Amino acid sequence: MTDPGLIVIGSGPAGVGAADAYRARRPDAPVRIISADGSHPYFRPPLSKDYLRGETDDVGMHPPEWFRERDIEVVLDAAVDHVDAGERVVTAGGDRYPYGALVLATGASPAPLPIPGGERALQLRSLADAETLRGAARSATTAVVIGAGFIGCEAAASLAMQGVSVTLVAPDELPQQKRLGAEAGRRLRELVEKTGARYLGSAKVESVQADSVRLDDGTTLPADLVLAATGVHPNSAIAGSLGLTLEDSRVVVNADMSTGVDGIYAAGDVAFAFNSGAGRRLAVEHWQDAEDQGQVAGAAAAGEDATWSGVPGFWTTIGDADVKYHSWGDGYERSTMVEHGDGGFTVWYSAGDGTTVGVLTYQADDDYDRGEELITAGEPPPVDRG
């Protein structure tokens, strides 16, 4: 009987990571990536940075020959119509594809802006979105970016660096204040404003007009371009149709990315995965962690023991400033800011028992690396040692 091999739904880092890991362990079985996206697998992080600024067009994750050399078939523009878990068949784009193992790496989609005129706002998730935004930026003189998560901060900085008059609007007084604390928020605001963008906190957008954004206090902000960077929703419709266990729209999976259905795994933004280092399930939306989870899923699907255990982390670039973050991502009790003489900083985050649960750095790579070690070991941050 012919081995039906692996099907991966989704062409982001989790999907490509899963295909790569499976192929490394199963050199002769078919491996197929099916994606509704029309673009060959690409890196998403540059879309809000150097791609948006027009500094590069090269965002491909791997050249086409990389996939050919590994005999990984990539099927694009193929939305999944149905998955039959009993027959182990995926129907997509009108074609039927059998599988032995299936990895759901369906990612997430931008959350709609639920206000009058919200449909006028651009979004930034796919390469097609980025192409549209970059084109709009060429002729814009004013822009409003709604949402001060890292994508919003990055995009606002990139637009401002092109000479666009940018206002970054967010409900929090400071960027990422609820997530990272006030001290970190002040430093992030400084980095955003250093690029020429204006940060407007404690503000709520009431509506988007043809050439402006109206706030609930009556303020009107001129805007040739409006970008909604207001978060994402996991693409869990396929998982739901299969009866997989969901929590907050994410697929509940074990440390090996397995679901409750034999032969089906989930990884990346759509997964609520058990992290064996943390000892609990975590929801993360970071590129490297999606790739790591995909590698685990692919290895497990190929029959190898593999678990997700690393500390989640990512880099964000605001203008020319690289900010780095490691954290379990589910809260902290105390944060301590350490200023460095060169303008850099470190924020240490600790739990109620004093153990390190996060670190945020700017121009402090040693602290970033040390922070990962302390989080993994469950040791206190240096500032808490007496």
Protein backbone atom coordinates (compact mmCIF):
# COMPACT_ATOMS: atom_id res chain seq x y z
CA MET A 1 0.00 0.00 0.00
CA THR A 2 1.32 3.45 -0.93
CA ASP A 3 2.13 5.70 2.02
CA PRO A 4 -0.17 8.73 1.70
CA GLY A 5 2.31 10.83 3.66
CA LEU A 6 1.73 14.29 5.10
CA ILE A 7 -0.58 17.14 4.25
CA VAL A 8 -0.05 20.53 5.83
CA ILE A 9 -2.80 23.13 5.62
CA GLY A 10 -1.13 26.53 5.72
CA SER A 11 2.09 27.91 4.24
CA GLY A 12 3.38 30.06 7.10
CA PRO A 13 6.31 29.20 9.37
CA ALA A 14 4.42 26.45 11.21
CA GLY A 15 3.35 24.80 7.97
CA VAL A 16 6.73 24.96 6.26
CA GLY A 17 8.46 23.88 9.48
CA ALA A 18 6.19 20.85 9.74
CA ALA A 19 6.79 19.84 6.13
CA ASP A 20 10.54 20.25 6.51
CA ALA A 21 10.73 18.22 9.73
CA TYR A 22 8.56 15.43 8.33
CA ARG A 23 10.56 15.23 5.11
CA ALA A 24 13.83 14.96 7.05
CA ARG A 25 12.50 11.84 8.78
CA ARG A 26 10.42 10.35 5.99
CA PRO A 27 12.43 10.81 2.78
CA ASP A 28 10.11 8.75 0.55
CA ALA A 29 6.60 9.69 1.69
CA PRO A 30 4.60 12.37 -0.13
CA VAL A 31 4.62 15.81 1.52
CA ARG A 32 2.17 18.46 0.40
CA ILE A 33 1.48 22.01 1.62
CA ILE A 34 -1.98 23.33 0.74
CA SER A 35 -2.58 27.06 1.10
CA ALA A 36 -5.38 29.47 0.32
CA ASP A 37 -2.73 32.16 -0.10
CA GLY A 38 -1.76 32.86 -3.68
CA SER A 39 1.85 33.74 -2.87
CA HIS A 40 4.71 31.30 -2.47
CA PRO A 41 5.63 30.87 1.23
CA TYR A 42 7.05 34.14 2.52
CA PHE A 43 8.34 35.80 5.65
CA ARG A 44 5.73 37.97 7.34
CA PRO A 45 7.96 40.05 9.70
CA PRO A 46 9.44 42.25 6.91
CA LEU A 47 5.98 43.26 5.69
CA SER A 48 5.61 45.98 8.33
CA LYS A 49 9.25 47.03 8.10
CA ASP A 50 11.69 47.03 5.19
CA TYR A 51 9.15 45.71 2.69
CA LEU A 52 6.67 48.44 3.61
CA ARG A 53 9.44 51.03 3.29
CA GLY A 54 10.24 49.78 -0.21
CA GLU A 55 13.72 48.66 0.79
CA THR A 56 13.23 45.06 -0.34
CA ASP A 57 10.94 42.90 -2.42
CA ASP A 58 12.62 39.66 -1.35
CA VAL A 59 10.45 38.18 1.38
CA GLY A 60 10.39 34.57 0.18
CA MET A 61 10.80 32.04 2.97
CA HIS A 62 12.74 29.75 0.65
CA PRO A 63 13.33 29.84 -3.11
CA PRO A 64 11.12 27.49 -5.15
CA GLU A 65 14.05 25.13 -5.72
CA TRP A 66 14.30 24.56 -1.94
CA PHE A 67 10.87 22.92 -2.03
CA ARG A 68 11.67 21.03 -5.24
CA GLU A 69 14.91 19.65 -3.82
CA ARG A 70 12.99 18.30 -0.83
CA ASP A 71 10.14 17.04 -2.99
CA ILE A 72 7.63 19.16 -1.05
CA GLU A 73 4.65 20.03 -3.21
CA VAL A 74 3.16 23.48 -2.63
CA VAL A 75 -0.46 23.96 -3.74
CA LEU A 76 -1.46 27.63 -3.74
CA ASP A 77 -4.79 29.41 -4.15
CA ALA A 78 -6.52 26.30 -2.83
CA ALA A 79 -8.99 26.92 -0.03
CA VAL A 80 -9.89 23.76 1.86
CA ASP A 81 -13.45 22.68 1.20
CA HIS A 82 -13.62 19.66 3.49
CA VAL A 83 -11.54 17.33 5.63
CA ASP A 84 -12.73 13.76 6.13
CA ALA A 85 -10.85 12.53 9.20
CA GLY A 86 -12.27 9.02 8.85
CA GLU A 87 -11.16 8.55 5.25
CA ARG A 88 -8.12 10.82 5.81
CA VAL A 89 -8.80 12.94 2.77
CA VAL A 90 -8.55 16.70 2.28
CA THR A 91 -10.65 18.31 -0.44
CA ALA A 92 -9.26 21.65 -1.61
CA GLY A 93 -9.76 23.62 -4.80
CA GLY A 94 -11.96 20.82 -6.10
CA ASP A 95 -9.24 18.16 -5.75
CA ARG A 96 -8.98 15.31 -3.25
CA TYR A 97 -5.73 14.64 -1.41
CA PRO A 98 -5.25 11.57 0.81
CA TYR A 99 -3.05 11.83 3.88
CA GLY A 100 -1.55 9.65 6.56
CA ALA A 101 -0.94 12.60 8.89
CA LEU A 102 -2.40 16.09 8.80
CA VAL A 103 -1.01 19.30 10.30
CA LEU A 104 -3.33 22.27 10.72
CA ALA A 105 -1.15 25.35 10.43
CA THR A 106 -3.94 27.66 9.37
CA GLY A 107 -2.66 30.74 11.22
CA ALA A 108 -4.82 33.74 11.99
CA SER A 109 -6.62 36.54 10.17
CA PRO A 110 -6.89 40.25 11.03
CA ALA A 111 -9.76 41.15 13.31
CA PRO A 112 -12.27 43.41 11.51
CA LEU A 113 -12.58 46.98 12.75
CA PRO A 114 -16.13 46.98 14.18
CA ILE A 115 -16.97 50.66 13.74
CA PRO A 116 -18.73 52.70 11.06
CA GLY A 117 -16.43 52.90 8.05
CA GLY A 118 -14.17 50.21 9.45
CA GLU A 119 -14.13 48.47 6.08
CA ARG A 120 -12.19 51.45 4.69
CA ALA A 121 -9.19 50.65 6.88
CA LEU A 122 -6.40 48.61 5.36
CA GLN A 123 -5.05 45.55 7.11
CA LEU A 124 -1.61 44.01 7.25
CA ARG A 125 -1.29 40.26 7.43
CA SER A 126 -0.63 38.80 4.00
CA LEU A 127 1.83 39.75 1.27
CA ALA A 128 -1.15 40.97 -0.78
CA ASP A 129 -2.14 43.23 2.15
CA ALA A 130 1.41 44.57 2.30
CA GLU A 131 1.46 45.29 -1.43
CA THR A 132 -1.76 47.27 -1.11
CA LEU A 133 -0.47 49.20 1.92
CA ARG A 134 2.86 49.97 0.30
CA GLY A 135 1.11 51.25 -2.80
CA ALA A 136 -1.18 53.46 -0.73
CA ALA A 137 1.78 54.84 1.21
CA ARG A 138 3.43 56.12 -1.97
CA SER A 139 0.71 58.72 -2.49
CA ALA A 140 -0.29 59.38 1.13
CA THR A 141 0.68 62.49 3.04
CA THR A 142 -1.25 61.64 6.22
CA ALA A 143 -1.97 58.31 7.89
CA VAL A 144 -3.65 56.96 11.00
CA VAL A 145 -2.59 53.61 12.40
CA ILE A 146 -5.13 52.15 14.82
CA GLY A 147 -3.64 49.83 17.44
CA ALA A 148 -0.27 49.97 19.19
CA GLY A 149 0.68 46.32 19.24
CA PHE A 150 4.03 45.54 17.71
CA ILE A 151 2.65 45.44 14.15
CA GLY A 152 1.05 48.85 14.67
CA CYS A 153 4.23 50.34 16.11
CA GLU A 154 6.37 48.86 13.34
CA ALA A 155 4.06 50.01 10.55
CA ALA A 156 3.62 53.51 12.00
CA ALA A 157 7.40 53.88 12.20
CA SER A 158 7.89 52.61 8.64
CA LEU A 159 5.27 54.99 7.25
CA ALA A 160 6.75 57.94 9.14
CA MET A 161 10.22 57.11 7.84
CA GLN A 162 8.83 57.59 4.32
CA GLY A 163 7.76 61.13 5.12
CA VAL A 164 4.11 60.38 5.84
CA SER A 165 2.57 62.34 8.73
CA VAL A 166 1.49 59.46 10.98
CA THR A 167 -0.68 59.33 14.08
CA LEU A 168 -0.67 56.07 16.02
CA VAL A 169 -3.94 55.81 17.95
CA ALA A 170 -4.54 53.39 20.81
CA PRO A 171 -6.85 53.05 23.83
CA ASP A 172 -3.95 52.64 26.28
CA GLU A 173 -2.11 55.68 27.56
CA LEU A 174 1.14 54.04 26.41
CA PRO A 175 1.96 51.36 23.82
CA GLN A 176 1.60 47.82 25.19
CA GLN A 177 1.00 49.21 28.69
CA LYS A 178 -1.28 46.40 29.83
CA ARG A 179 1.02 43.72 28.51
CA LEU A 180 4.45 45.15 29.35
CA GLY A 181 3.89 47.84 31.98
CA ALA A 182 4.11 51.63 32.02
CA GLU A 183 7.91 51.92 32.07
CA ALA A 184 8.29 49.73 29.02
CA GLY A 185 5.39 51.55 27.37
CA ARG A 186 7.12 54.90 27.78
CA ARG A 187 10.27 53.60 26.13
CA LEU A 188 8.30 52.08 23.26
CA ARG A 189 6.51 55.39 22.74
CA GLU A 190 9.89 57.13 22.59
CA LEU A 191 11.10 54.71 19.92
CA VAL A 192 7.94 55.22 17.86
CA GLU A 193 8.10 59.00 18.16
CA LYS A 194 11.81 59.02 17.31
CA THR A 195 10.82 57.94 13.77
CA GLY A 196 8.56 60.98 13.42
CA ALA A 197 5.25 59.31 14.18
CA ARG A 198 2.91 60.81 16.78
CA TYR A 199 1.47 58.60 19.50
CA LEU A 200 -2.05 59.43 20.68
CA GLY A 201 -3.01 57.32 23.67
CA SER A 202 -6.19 57.02 25.73
CA ALA A 203 -8.08 57.45 22.47
CA LYS A 204 -10.96 55.52 20.99
CA VAL A 205 -11.77 55.58 17.28
CA GLU A 206 -15.44 56.22 16.61
CA SER A 207 -15.51 56.02 12.81
CA VAL A 208 -13.40 56.00 9.67
CA GLN A 209 -14.33 58.56 7.04
CA ALA A 210 -13.18 58.81 3.42
CA ASP A 211 -10.29 61.11 4.32
CA SER A 212 -10.20 61.17 8.11
CA VAL A 213 -10.62 59.28 11.36
CA ARG A 214 -13.01 60.54 14.00
CA LEU A 215 -12.40 59.89 17.70
CA ASP A 216 -15.10 59.56 20.33
CA ASP A 217 -14.15 62.94 21.85
CA GLY A 218 -14.95 64.66 18.55
CA THR A 219 -11.36 65.00 17.37
CA THR A 220 -10.89 64.48 13.63
CA LEU A 221 -7.55 63.23 12.33
CA PRO A 222 -6.78 63.72 8.63
CA ALA A 223 -5.92 60.43 6.95
CA ASP A 224 -5.20 59.61 3.32
CA LEU A 225 -4.41 56.14 4.62
CA VAL A 226 -5.84 54.21 7.57
CA LEU A 227 -4.34 50.97 8.84
CA ALA A 228 -6.15 48.80 11.39
CA ALA A 229 -3.61 46.87 13.46
CA THR A 230 -6.17 45.69 15.97
CA GLY A 231 -5.23 42.05 16.47
CA VAL A 232 -6.06 38.73 14.86
CA HIS A 233 -8.45 35.80 15.20
CA PRO A 234 -7.21 32.19 14.85
CA ASN A 235 -8.36 30.45 11.68
CA SER A 236 -9.99 27.53 13.46
CA ALA A 237 -12.98 26.81 11.23
CA ILE A 238 -11.47 23.60 9.84
CA ALA A 239 -10.58 22.42 13.34
CA GLY A 240 -14.10 23.18 14.51
CA SER A 241 -15.61 21.20 11.63
CA LEU A 242 -13.54 18.20 12.74
CA GLY A 243 -14.83 18.42 16.29
CA LEU A 244 -11.40 19.21 17.74
CA THR A 245 -11.31 20.73 21.21
CA LEU A 246 -11.04 24.52 21.05
CA GLU A 247 -10.28 27.10 23.70
CA ASP A 248 -10.66 30.78 22.79
CA SER A 249 -10.85 29.65 19.15
CA ARG A 250 -7.49 27.86 19.35
CA VAL A 251 -6.95 24.13 18.94
CA VAL A 252 -5.99 22.47 22.21
CA VAL A 253 -2.93 20.31 21.57
CA ASN A 254 -0.38 18.39 23.56
CA ALA A 255 3.35 19.11 23.76
CA ASP A 256 3.86 17.08 20.57
CA MET A 257 1.16 19.17 18.84
CA SER A 258 -1.22 16.21 18.65
CA THR A 259 -4.96 16.80 18.87
CA GLY A 260 -7.61 14.42 20.16
CA VAL A 261 -8.03 12.93 16.69
CA ASP A 262 -5.53 10.31 15.57
CA GLY A 263 -3.17 11.56 12.88
CA ILE A 264 -4.12 15.24 13.20
CA TYR A 265 -1.79 17.89 14.62
CA ALA A 266 -2.00 21.67 14.94
CA ALA A 267 0.76 24.26 15.22
CA GLY A 268 1.32 28.01 15.14
CA ASP A 269 -1.19 30.78 15.78
CA VAL A 270 -4.14 28.39 15.65
CA ALA A 271 -2.75 26.17 18.44
CA PHE A 272 -3.14 26.35 22.21
CA ALA A 273 -0.19 24.11 22.91
CA PHE A 274 1.23 22.53 26.04
CA ASN A 275 4.74 23.79 26.68
CA SER A 276 6.66 21.23 28.72
CA GLY A 277 9.06 23.88 30.00
CA ALA A 278 6.26 26.08 31.30
CA GLY A 279 4.17 23.12 32.46
CA ARG A 280 1.00 24.56 30.96
CA ARG A 281 -0.61 25.48 27.66
CA LEU A 282 0.34 28.77 26.03
CA ALA A 283 -1.12 30.83 23.21
CA VAL A 284 1.63 32.54 21.22
CA GLU A 285 1.65 34.51 17.97
CA HIS A 286 5.38 34.72 17.35
CA TRP A 287 7.07 33.71 14.12
CA GLN A 288 9.89 31.65 15.65
CA ASP A 289 7.56 29.80 18.00
CA ALA A 290 5.25 28.94 15.10
CA GLU A 291 8.21 27.49 13.23
CA ASP A 292 9.33 25.60 16.34
CA GLN A 293 5.86 24.16 16.86
CA GLY A 294 5.70 23.18 13.19
CA GLN A 295 9.00 21.35 13.49
CA VAL A 296 7.65 19.47 16.52
CA ALA A 297 4.41 18.61 14.71
CA GLY A 298 6.24 17.36 11.63
CA ALA A 299 8.62 15.23 13.68
CA ALA A 300 5.78 13.77 15.74
CA ALA A 301 3.72 13.07 12.61
CA ALA A 302 6.71 11.13 11.27
CA GLY A 303 6.72 8.96 14.39
CA GLU A 304 9.48 10.63 16.39
CA ASP A 305 9.21 11.71 20.03
CA ALA A 306 9.22 15.51 20.03
CA THR A 307 7.89 18.16 22.38
CA TRP A 308 7.61 21.94 22.50
CA SER A 309 9.54 23.25 25.48
CA GLY A 310 11.35 26.49 24.62
CA VAL A 311 10.60 29.93 26.04
CA PRO A 312 8.54 31.93 23.53
CA GLY A 313 10.26 35.02 22.20
CA PHE A 314 10.59 37.44 19.32
CA TRP A 315 12.27 40.57 18.03
CA THR A 316 10.48 43.68 16.87
CA THR A 317 12.10 46.49 14.91
CA ILE A 318 10.66 49.97 15.39
CA GLY A 319 12.44 52.22 12.93
CA ASP A 320 16.04 51.11 13.38
CA ALA A 321 15.59 49.96 16.99
CA ASP A 322 15.55 46.22 17.72
CA VAL A 323 13.50 45.35 20.81
CA LYS A 324 13.71 41.75 22.00
CA TYR A 325 11.34 39.85 24.24
CA HIS A 326 11.24 36.48 25.98
CA SER A 327 8.26 35.51 28.11
CA TRP A 328 5.89 32.69 28.95
CA GLY A 329 3.29 35.25 27.90
CA ASP A 330 0.65 34.69 30.56
CA GLY A 331 1.28 37.54 32.97
CA TYR A 332 3.64 38.71 35.69
CA GLU A 333 3.47 40.19 39.18
CA ARG A 334 6.41 42.58 39.14
CA SER A 335 8.43 44.47 36.53
CA THR A 336 11.75 46.21 37.09
CA MET A 337 13.29 48.63 34.59
CA VAL A 338 17.08 48.82 34.34
CA GLU A 339 18.43 51.72 32.29
CA HIS A 340 21.78 51.27 30.54
CA GLY A 341 24.25 54.05 29.89
CA ASP A 342 24.09 53.72 26.11
CA GLY A 343 20.35 54.43 25.97
CA GLY A 344 19.44 50.78 26.11
CA PHE A 345 17.25 49.19 28.75
CA THR A 346 16.13 45.90 30.23
CA VAL A 347 12.79 45.18 31.86
CA TRP A 348 12.76 42.11 34.07
CA TYR A 349 9.40 40.45 34.77
CA SER A 350 8.87 38.12 37.71
CA ALA A 351 6.07 36.02 39.18
CA GLY A 352 4.74 36.20 42.70
CA ASP A 353 7.27 33.62 43.85
CA GLY A 354 10.13 35.74 42.49
CA THR A 355 10.98 33.60 39.49
CA THR A 356 11.74 35.24 36.16
CA VAL A 357 8.87 34.97 33.68
CA GLY A 358 9.90 37.54 31.08
CA VAL A 359 12.55 39.94 29.82
CA LEU A 360 12.31 42.87 27.41
CA THR A 361 15.51 44.43 26.09
CA TYR A 362 16.80 47.19 23.87
CA GLN A 363 20.53 47.26 23.18
CA ALA A 364 21.06 44.65 25.89
CA ASP A 365 21.58 41.34 24.11
CA ASP A 366 23.37 39.74 27.05
CA ASP A 367 20.30 40.32 29.20
CA TYR A 368 18.07 38.91 26.49
CA ASP A 369 20.10 35.69 26.36
CA ARG A 370 20.45 35.51 30.12
CA GLY A 371 16.75 36.14 30.53
CA GLU A 372 15.89 33.06 28.48
CA GLU A 373 18.15 31.00 30.73
CA LEU A 374 16.60 32.37 33.91
CA ILE A 375 13.05 31.84 32.66
CA THR A 376 13.86 28.27 31.68
CA ALA A 377 15.51 27.54 35.05
CA GLY A 378 12.81 29.29 37.08
CA GLU A 379 15.38 31.51 38.78
CA PRO A 380 14.91 35.13 39.93
CA PRO A 381 16.08 38.02 37.78
CA PRO A 382 19.40 39.66 38.74
CA VAL A 383 17.64 42.73 40.12
CA ASP A 384 15.74 40.63 42.67
CA ARG A 385 18.81 38.99 44.12
CA GLY A 386 19.99 40.23 47.41
